[in-house]
C-alpha cells in the first residue's frame, strides 16, 4: 500500500532500526558530537524511495534482498556517501543487484537517496525497452552527465 513517513532522530539506535528497511544490517557512528538524522521513506506499488540527511560520520553494512535492486545516489552539496570505497559524485548513481553486500560510509554531514526496485520488474521493463534479455549487473556505477 502506498504511503510515506518522515522521521527525525537524535539517537543512533533509532536511526539504525529505521534503516533496516533500507537493507542496513549494522550501523556504527564514527564521528564525535551530537547525533542528528532525518529519514523520509516513500512506498509506492512497485518501488520504495528514501532520502536521508545525517550529521555525523558513520559506516554501515548494507545487504540487498534476493528479490530487489538497490539504486543509491548523493543529494545536495554535502559530502557524498562512499560505497565500497567509491565516493559517488553528484552526477552518478550506484546500483547493487539482489544478494549483494556492501559497506557504505560517510565522512561527516551527508545527504543521500535510495531507490529499491523489484528485480523481476526491472528485468521485465528493461526487456520491453531493449527488445531482448535485460541483464542486471551485480554492481555498477553510472554517470548521468550532460551531453
N, C-alpha and C. Protein backbone atom coordinates (compact mmCIF):
# COMPACT_ATOMS: atom_id res chain seq x y z
N UNK A 1 0.84 -1.17 0.00
CA UNK A 1 0.00 0.00 0.00
C UNK A 1 0.89 1.24 0.00
N UNK A 2 0.65 2.21 -0.87
CA UNK A 2 1.44 3.43 -0.92
C UNK A 2 1.35 4.22 0.39
N UNK A 3 2.44 4.88 0.72
CA UNK A 3 2.47 5.70 1.92
C UNK A 3 3.81 6.39 2.05
N UNK A 4 3.91 7.29 3.02
CA UNK A 4 5.17 7.97 3.26
C UNK A 4 5.28 8.35 4.73
N UNK A 5 6.53 8.50 5.17
CA UNK A 5 6.80 8.92 6.53
C UNK A 5 8.13 9.67 6.55
N UNK A 6 8.20 10.74 7.34
CA UNK A 6 9.44 11.45 7.58
C UNK A 6 9.70 11.42 9.08
N UNK A 7 10.92 11.02 9.44
CA UNK A 7 11.27 10.88 10.85
C UNK A 7 12.56 11.62 11.14
N UNK A 8 12.63 12.23 12.32
CA UNK A 8 13.84 12.86 12.81
C UNK A 8 14.41 12.02 13.93
N UNK A 9 15.73 11.94 14.04
CA UNK A 9 16.36 11.07 15.03
C UNK A 9 17.43 11.82 15.81
N UNK A 10 17.45 11.59 17.12
CA UNK A 10 18.50 12.10 17.97
C UNK A 10 19.28 10.95 18.63
N UNK A 11 18.86 9.72 18.36
CA UNK A 11 19.53 8.52 18.87
C UNK A 11 19.93 7.63 17.70
N UNK A 12 21.20 7.25 17.66
CA UNK A 12 21.71 6.41 16.57
C UNK A 12 21.00 5.07 16.51
N UNK A 13 20.62 4.51 17.65
CA UNK A 13 19.95 3.20 17.67
C UNK A 13 18.59 3.27 16.97
N UNK A 14 17.88 4.36 17.15
CA UNK A 14 16.58 4.52 16.50
C UNK A 14 16.74 4.68 14.99
N UNK A 15 17.78 5.43 14.59
CA UNK A 15 18.06 5.60 13.16
C UNK A 15 18.43 4.25 12.54
N UNK A 16 19.27 3.48 13.24
CA UNK A 16 19.67 2.15 12.75
C UNK A 16 18.45 1.25 12.57
N UNK A 17 17.51 1.31 13.51
CA UNK A 17 16.29 0.49 13.40
C UNK A 17 15.48 0.90 12.17
N UNK A 18 15.37 2.19 11.92
CA UNK A 18 14.62 2.67 10.75
C UNK A 18 15.31 2.28 9.45
N UNK A 19 16.64 2.20 9.47
CA UNK A 19 17.40 1.86 8.27
C UNK A 19 17.36 0.37 7.93
N UNK A 20 16.83 -0.44 8.81
CA UNK A 20 16.71 -1.87 8.49
C UNK A 20 15.86 -2.07 7.25
N UNK A 21 14.86 -1.22 7.03
CA UNK A 21 14.05 -1.29 5.80
C UNK A 21 14.88 -0.92 4.58
N UNK A 22 16.04 -0.27 4.79
CA UNK A 22 16.94 0.11 3.71
C UNK A 22 18.03 -0.94 3.51
N UNK A 23 17.89 -2.10 4.14
CA UNK A 23 18.86 -3.17 3.99
C UNK A 23 20.07 -3.04 4.89
N UNK A 24 20.05 -2.10 5.84
CA UNK A 24 21.20 -1.89 6.72
C UNK A 24 21.16 -2.92 7.86
N UNK A 25 22.21 -3.77 7.89
CA UNK A 25 22.32 -4.78 8.95
C UNK A 25 23.01 -4.23 10.18
N UNK A 26 23.98 -3.34 9.98
CA UNK A 26 24.67 -2.76 11.12
C UNK A 26 25.06 -1.33 10.79
N UNK A 27 25.07 -0.51 11.83
CA UNK A 27 25.40 0.91 11.69
C UNK A 27 26.31 1.28 12.85
N UNK A 28 27.46 1.87 12.54
CA UNK A 28 28.41 2.29 13.56
C UNK A 28 28.72 3.77 13.35
N UNK A 29 28.38 4.59 14.34
CA UNK A 29 28.67 6.02 14.28
C UNK A 29 30.14 6.19 14.62
N UNK A 30 30.90 6.87 13.76
CA UNK A 30 32.34 7.04 13.96
C UNK A 30 32.71 8.49 14.27
N UNK A 31 31.77 9.41 14.10
CA UNK A 31 32.04 10.82 14.36
C UNK A 31 31.67 11.21 15.77
N UNK A 32 32.32 12.24 16.28
CA UNK A 32 32.02 12.75 17.62
C UNK A 32 31.01 13.89 17.50
N UNK A 33 30.20 14.03 18.52
CA UNK A 33 29.24 15.12 18.55
C UNK A 33 27.83 14.62 18.76
N UNK A 34 26.91 15.56 18.65
CA UNK A 34 25.50 15.27 18.86
C UNK A 34 24.92 14.60 17.61
N UNK A 35 24.31 13.43 17.80
CA UNK A 35 23.75 12.69 16.67
C UNK A 35 22.43 13.33 16.23
N UNK A 36 22.30 13.56 14.93
CA UNK A 36 21.06 14.04 14.32
C UNK A 36 20.95 13.44 12.94
N UNK A 37 19.74 12.98 12.59
CA UNK A 37 19.49 12.45 11.25
C UNK A 37 18.01 12.62 10.94
N UNK A 38 17.72 12.68 9.65
CA UNK A 38 16.34 12.74 9.17
C UNK A 38 16.20 11.73 8.04
N UNK A 39 15.08 11.01 8.03
CA UNK A 39 14.85 9.98 7.02
C UNK A 39 13.42 10.10 6.51
N UNK A 40 13.29 10.23 5.19
CA UNK A 40 11.98 10.24 4.54
C UNK A 40 11.88 8.98 3.69
N UNK A 41 10.81 8.22 3.89
CA UNK A 41 10.59 6.98 3.14
C UNK A 41 9.23 7.04 2.46
N UNK A 42 9.23 6.75 1.15
CA UNK A 42 8.00 6.74 0.35
C UNK A 42 7.85 5.34 -0.24
N UNK A 43 6.71 4.73 -0.02
CA UNK A 43 6.43 3.40 -0.57
C UNK A 43 5.35 3.53 -1.62
N UNK A 44 5.66 3.05 -2.81
CA UNK A 44 4.70 3.02 -3.91
C UNK A 44 4.39 1.55 -4.22
N UNK A 45 3.63 1.29 -5.26
CA UNK A 45 3.24 -0.09 -5.54
C UNK A 45 4.42 -1.00 -5.85
N UNK A 46 5.39 -0.54 -6.64
CA UNK A 46 6.48 -1.41 -7.03
C UNK A 46 7.86 -0.87 -6.69
N UNK A 47 7.93 0.20 -5.92
CA UNK A 47 9.24 0.68 -5.52
C UNK A 47 9.14 1.47 -4.23
N UNK A 48 10.32 1.62 -3.62
CA UNK A 48 10.42 2.36 -2.37
C UNK A 48 11.53 3.40 -2.54
N UNK A 49 11.23 4.63 -2.17
CA UNK A 49 12.18 5.74 -2.27
C UNK A 49 12.54 6.22 -0.87
N UNK A 50 13.80 6.58 -0.69
CA UNK A 50 14.23 7.11 0.60
C UNK A 50 15.17 8.28 0.38
N UNK A 51 15.13 9.23 1.31
CA UNK A 51 16.05 10.36 1.32
C UNK A 51 16.48 10.58 2.76
N UNK A 52 17.78 10.75 2.97
CA UNK A 52 18.30 10.90 4.33
C UNK A 52 19.28 12.04 4.41
N UNK A 53 19.36 12.62 5.60
CA UNK A 53 20.35 13.62 5.95
C UNK A 53 20.96 13.18 7.27
N UNK A 54 22.29 13.18 7.34
CA UNK A 54 22.99 12.77 8.56
C UNK A 54 24.04 13.81 8.91
N UNK A 55 24.32 13.98 10.20
CA UNK A 55 25.32 14.97 10.64
C UNK A 55 26.68 14.38 10.96
N UNK A 56 26.72 13.14 11.43
CA UNK A 56 27.99 12.54 11.87
C UNK A 56 28.46 11.46 10.90
N UNK A 57 29.77 11.26 10.87
CA UNK A 57 30.31 10.18 10.04
C UNK A 57 29.91 8.83 10.62
N UNK A 58 29.80 7.84 9.72
CA UNK A 58 29.39 6.50 10.14
C UNK A 58 29.76 5.51 9.07
N UNK A 59 29.67 4.23 9.42
CA UNK A 59 29.82 3.16 8.46
C UNK A 59 28.63 2.22 8.65
N UNK A 60 28.18 1.61 7.55
CA UNK A 60 27.03 0.71 7.61
C UNK A 60 27.26 -0.46 6.66
N UNK A 61 26.77 -1.61 7.05
CA UNK A 61 26.77 -2.79 6.18
C UNK A 61 25.38 -2.93 5.60
N UNK A 62 25.30 -2.89 4.26
CA UNK A 62 24.02 -2.98 3.56
C UNK A 62 23.98 -4.30 2.80
N UNK A 63 22.85 -4.99 2.89
CA UNK A 63 22.63 -6.23 2.15
C UNK A 63 21.35 -6.09 1.34
N UNK A 64 21.44 -6.35 0.05
CA UNK A 64 20.29 -6.23 -0.84
C UNK A 64 19.52 -7.55 -0.82
N UNK A 65 18.22 -7.52 -0.53
CA UNK A 65 17.42 -8.76 -0.52
C UNK A 65 17.47 -9.45 -1.89
N UNK A 66 17.18 -10.74 -1.90
CA UNK A 66 17.32 -11.55 -3.11
C UNK A 66 16.36 -11.19 -4.22
N UNK A 67 15.33 -10.41 -3.94
CA UNK A 67 14.36 -10.07 -4.98
C UNK A 67 14.34 -8.57 -5.33
N UNK A 68 15.39 -7.83 -4.91
CA UNK A 68 15.39 -6.38 -5.09
C UNK A 68 16.67 -5.89 -5.76
N UNK A 69 16.60 -4.68 -6.29
CA UNK A 69 17.75 -3.93 -6.80
C UNK A 69 17.82 -2.65 -5.97
N UNK A 70 19.03 -2.25 -5.59
CA UNK A 70 19.23 -1.01 -4.85
C UNK A 70 19.93 -0.01 -5.76
N UNK A 71 19.36 1.19 -5.84
CA UNK A 71 19.98 2.30 -6.55
C UNK A 71 20.28 3.36 -5.50
N UNK A 72 21.54 3.76 -5.40
CA UNK A 72 21.93 4.78 -4.43
C UNK A 72 22.44 6.02 -5.11
N UNK A 73 22.21 7.18 -4.49
CA UNK A 73 22.65 8.44 -5.07
C UNK A 73 22.96 9.46 -3.99
N UNK A 74 23.84 10.39 -4.35
CA UNK A 74 24.16 11.51 -3.47
C UNK A 74 23.13 12.60 -3.69
N UNK A 75 22.92 13.43 -2.66
CA UNK A 75 21.95 14.53 -2.78
C UNK A 75 22.58 15.79 -2.19
N UNK A 76 22.39 16.90 -2.85
CA UNK A 76 22.83 18.18 -2.30
C UNK A 76 24.33 18.36 -2.34
N UNK A 77 24.80 19.36 -1.63
CA UNK A 77 26.21 19.73 -1.67
C UNK A 77 27.03 19.14 -0.52
N UNK A 78 26.39 18.42 0.40
CA UNK A 78 27.11 17.80 1.50
C UNK A 78 28.00 16.68 0.95
N UNK A 79 28.92 16.22 1.75
CA UNK A 79 29.80 15.11 1.37
C UNK A 79 28.95 13.90 0.95
N UNK A 80 29.37 13.24 -0.11
CA UNK A 80 28.62 12.10 -0.64
C UNK A 80 29.03 10.82 0.09
N UNK A 81 28.13 9.83 0.14
CA UNK A 81 28.49 8.54 0.73
C UNK A 81 29.56 7.83 -0.09
N UNK A 82 30.31 6.97 0.58
CA UNK A 82 31.36 6.18 -0.07
C UNK A 82 30.89 4.73 -0.09
N UNK A 83 30.61 4.22 -1.27
CA UNK A 83 30.05 2.88 -1.47
C UNK A 83 31.19 1.93 -1.81
N UNK A 84 31.55 1.05 -0.88
CA UNK A 84 32.60 0.08 -1.15
C UNK A 84 33.89 0.72 -1.60
N UNK A 85 34.24 1.87 -1.05
CA UNK A 85 35.47 2.56 -1.40
C UNK A 85 35.33 3.58 -2.52
N UNK A 86 34.14 3.71 -3.11
CA UNK A 86 33.92 4.64 -4.22
C UNK A 86 32.97 5.75 -3.79
N UNK A 87 33.46 6.99 -3.81
CA UNK A 87 32.60 8.13 -3.47
C UNK A 87 31.74 8.48 -4.67
N UNK A 88 30.44 8.58 -4.44
CA UNK A 88 29.53 8.95 -5.51
C UNK A 88 29.59 10.45 -5.78
N UNK A 89 29.66 10.81 -7.06
CA UNK A 89 29.58 12.21 -7.45
C UNK A 89 28.12 12.60 -7.60
N UNK A 90 27.87 13.89 -7.71
CA UNK A 90 26.51 14.39 -7.86
C UNK A 90 25.86 13.92 -9.16
N UNK A 91 26.67 13.54 -10.14
CA UNK A 91 26.14 13.10 -11.42
C UNK A 91 26.21 11.58 -11.58
N UNK A 92 26.31 10.85 -10.46
CA UNK A 92 26.45 9.40 -10.52
C UNK A 92 25.41 8.71 -9.65
N UNK A 93 25.11 7.47 -10.03
CA UNK A 93 24.30 6.59 -9.20
C UNK A 93 25.04 5.26 -9.11
N UNK A 94 24.78 4.53 -8.05
CA UNK A 94 25.36 3.20 -7.86
C UNK A 94 24.21 2.22 -7.80
N UNK A 95 24.34 1.10 -8.50
CA UNK A 95 23.32 0.05 -8.42
C UNK A 95 23.95 -1.21 -7.86
N UNK A 96 23.19 -1.87 -7.02
CA UNK A 96 23.58 -3.17 -6.46
C UNK A 96 22.47 -4.16 -6.74
N UNK A 97 22.84 -5.32 -7.24
CA UNK A 97 21.86 -6.35 -7.57
C UNK A 97 21.49 -7.16 -6.34
N UNK A 98 20.48 -7.98 -6.52
CA UNK A 98 19.99 -8.86 -5.46
C UNK A 98 21.12 -9.69 -4.87
N UNK A 99 21.11 -9.80 -3.55
CA UNK A 99 22.08 -10.63 -2.85
C UNK A 99 23.43 -10.00 -2.59
N UNK A 100 23.68 -8.78 -3.06
CA UNK A 100 24.98 -8.13 -2.86
C UNK A 100 25.07 -7.51 -1.46
N UNK A 101 26.28 -7.46 -0.93
CA UNK A 101 26.58 -6.83 0.36
C UNK A 101 27.64 -5.76 0.12
N UNK A 102 27.57 -4.68 0.89
CA UNK A 102 28.50 -3.58 0.69
C UNK A 102 28.58 -2.72 1.95
N UNK A 103 29.78 -2.22 2.25
CA UNK A 103 29.93 -1.22 3.31
C UNK A 103 29.78 0.16 2.69
N UNK A 104 28.98 0.98 3.33
CA UNK A 104 28.80 2.36 2.91
C UNK A 104 29.18 3.25 4.09
N UNK A 105 30.09 4.19 3.84
CA UNK A 105 30.49 5.08 4.93
C UNK A 105 30.33 6.53 4.53
N UNK A 106 30.32 7.37 5.55
CA UNK A 106 30.26 8.81 5.33
C UNK A 106 31.40 9.45 6.12
N UNK A 107 31.82 10.64 5.68
CA UNK A 107 32.93 11.35 6.33
C UNK A 107 32.45 12.55 7.13
N UNK A 108 31.18 12.63 7.40
CA UNK A 108 30.63 13.78 8.12
C UNK A 108 29.23 14.03 7.62
N UNK A 109 28.79 15.28 7.66
CA UNK A 109 27.44 15.58 7.18
C UNK A 109 27.24 15.04 5.77
N UNK A 110 26.11 14.40 5.57
CA UNK A 110 25.87 13.70 4.31
C UNK A 110 24.38 13.70 3.98
N UNK A 111 24.08 13.75 2.70
CA UNK A 111 22.70 13.61 2.20
C UNK A 111 22.74 12.54 1.12
N UNK A 112 21.82 11.59 1.19
CA UNK A 112 21.80 10.51 0.21
C UNK A 112 20.36 10.09 -0.06
N UNK A 113 20.19 9.36 -1.15
CA UNK A 113 18.89 8.82 -1.50
C UNK A 113 19.04 7.39 -1.98
N UNK A 114 17.96 6.65 -1.92
CA UNK A 114 17.98 5.29 -2.44
C UNK A 114 16.63 4.96 -3.07
N UNK A 115 16.70 4.06 -4.03
CA UNK A 115 15.51 3.54 -4.70
C UNK A 115 15.61 2.02 -4.65
N UNK A 116 14.58 1.37 -4.15
CA UNK A 116 14.51 -0.09 -4.11
C UNK A 116 13.47 -0.52 -5.12
N UNK A 117 13.88 -1.44 -6.00
CA UNK A 117 13.01 -1.85 -7.10
C UNK A 117 13.05 -3.37 -7.23
N UNK A 118 11.92 -4.04 -7.43
CA UNK A 118 11.93 -5.50 -7.59
C UNK A 118 12.72 -5.92 -8.84
N UNK A 119 13.59 -6.89 -8.68
CA UNK A 119 14.43 -7.38 -9.78
C UNK A 119 13.58 -7.83 -10.97
N UNK A 120 12.53 -8.57 -10.73
CA UNK A 120 11.69 -9.08 -11.82
C UNK A 120 11.07 -7.94 -12.63
N UNK A 121 10.63 -6.90 -11.96
CA UNK A 121 10.04 -5.75 -12.67
C UNK A 121 11.10 -5.04 -13.52
N UNK A 122 12.30 -4.84 -12.97
CA UNK A 122 13.35 -4.18 -13.72
C UNK A 122 13.72 -4.99 -14.96
N UNK A 123 13.86 -6.29 -14.81
CA UNK A 123 14.16 -7.15 -15.98
C UNK A 123 13.05 -7.07 -17.02
N UNK A 124 11.82 -7.10 -16.57
CA UNK A 124 10.68 -7.04 -17.49
C UNK A 124 10.65 -5.71 -18.24
N UNK A 125 10.80 -4.60 -17.52
CA UNK A 125 10.78 -3.29 -18.15
C UNK A 125 12.00 -3.11 -19.07
N UNK A 126 13.16 -3.57 -18.60
CA UNK A 126 14.37 -3.46 -19.41
C UNK A 126 14.26 -4.25 -20.71
N UNK A 127 13.69 -5.44 -20.63
CA UNK A 127 13.50 -6.26 -21.84
C UNK A 127 12.51 -5.61 -22.80
N UNK A 128 11.47 -4.99 -22.26
CA UNK A 128 10.49 -4.30 -23.10
C UNK A 128 11.13 -3.12 -23.83
N UNK A 129 12.05 -2.43 -23.16
CA UNK A 129 12.70 -1.27 -23.77
C UNK A 129 13.78 -1.66 -24.78
N UNK A 130 14.50 -2.76 -24.51
CA UNK A 130 15.61 -3.13 -25.37
C UNK A 130 15.23 -4.17 -26.43
N UNK A 131 14.11 -4.85 -26.24
CA UNK A 131 13.70 -5.88 -27.18
C UNK A 131 14.47 -7.18 -27.01
N UNK A 132 15.21 -7.32 -25.94
CA UNK A 132 15.98 -8.54 -25.69
C UNK A 132 16.09 -8.80 -24.21
N UNK A 133 16.94 -9.74 -23.86
CA UNK A 133 17.16 -10.05 -22.46
C UNK A 133 17.86 -8.88 -21.78
N UNK A 134 17.37 -8.50 -20.63
CA UNK A 134 17.95 -7.39 -19.89
C UNK A 134 18.69 -7.95 -18.68
N UNK A 135 20.00 -7.80 -18.67
CA UNK A 135 20.82 -8.31 -17.58
C UNK A 135 21.07 -7.21 -16.55
N UNK A 136 20.99 -7.55 -15.30
CA UNK A 136 21.24 -6.62 -14.21
C UNK A 136 22.63 -6.92 -13.66
N UNK A 137 23.59 -5.98 -13.77
CA UNK A 137 24.94 -6.23 -13.24
C UNK A 137 24.92 -6.33 -11.73
N UNK A 138 25.85 -7.08 -11.14
CA UNK A 138 25.88 -7.25 -9.69
C UNK A 138 26.15 -5.93 -8.98
N UNK A 139 27.00 -5.09 -9.57
CA UNK A 139 27.26 -3.76 -9.04
C UNK A 139 27.72 -2.89 -10.20
N UNK A 140 27.23 -1.67 -10.25
CA UNK A 140 27.62 -0.77 -11.33
C UNK A 140 27.54 0.68 -10.86
N UNK A 141 28.40 1.50 -11.41
CA UNK A 141 28.41 2.94 -11.16
C UNK A 141 28.07 3.61 -12.48
N UNK A 142 27.06 4.46 -12.46
CA UNK A 142 26.55 5.07 -13.68
C UNK A 142 26.74 6.58 -13.61
N UNK A 143 27.23 7.16 -14.67
CA UNK A 143 27.39 8.60 -14.75
C UNK A 143 26.22 9.17 -15.56
N UNK A 144 25.59 10.18 -15.04
CA UNK A 144 24.43 10.81 -15.70
C UNK A 144 24.83 12.20 -16.17
N UNK A 145 25.96 12.32 -16.82
CA UNK A 145 26.48 13.62 -17.20
C UNK A 145 25.72 14.26 -18.34
N UNK A 146 26.00 15.54 -18.50
CA UNK A 146 25.38 16.32 -19.58
C UNK A 146 26.08 16.00 -20.89
N UNK A 147 25.36 16.18 -21.98
CA UNK A 147 25.95 15.96 -23.30
C UNK A 147 26.21 17.27 -23.97
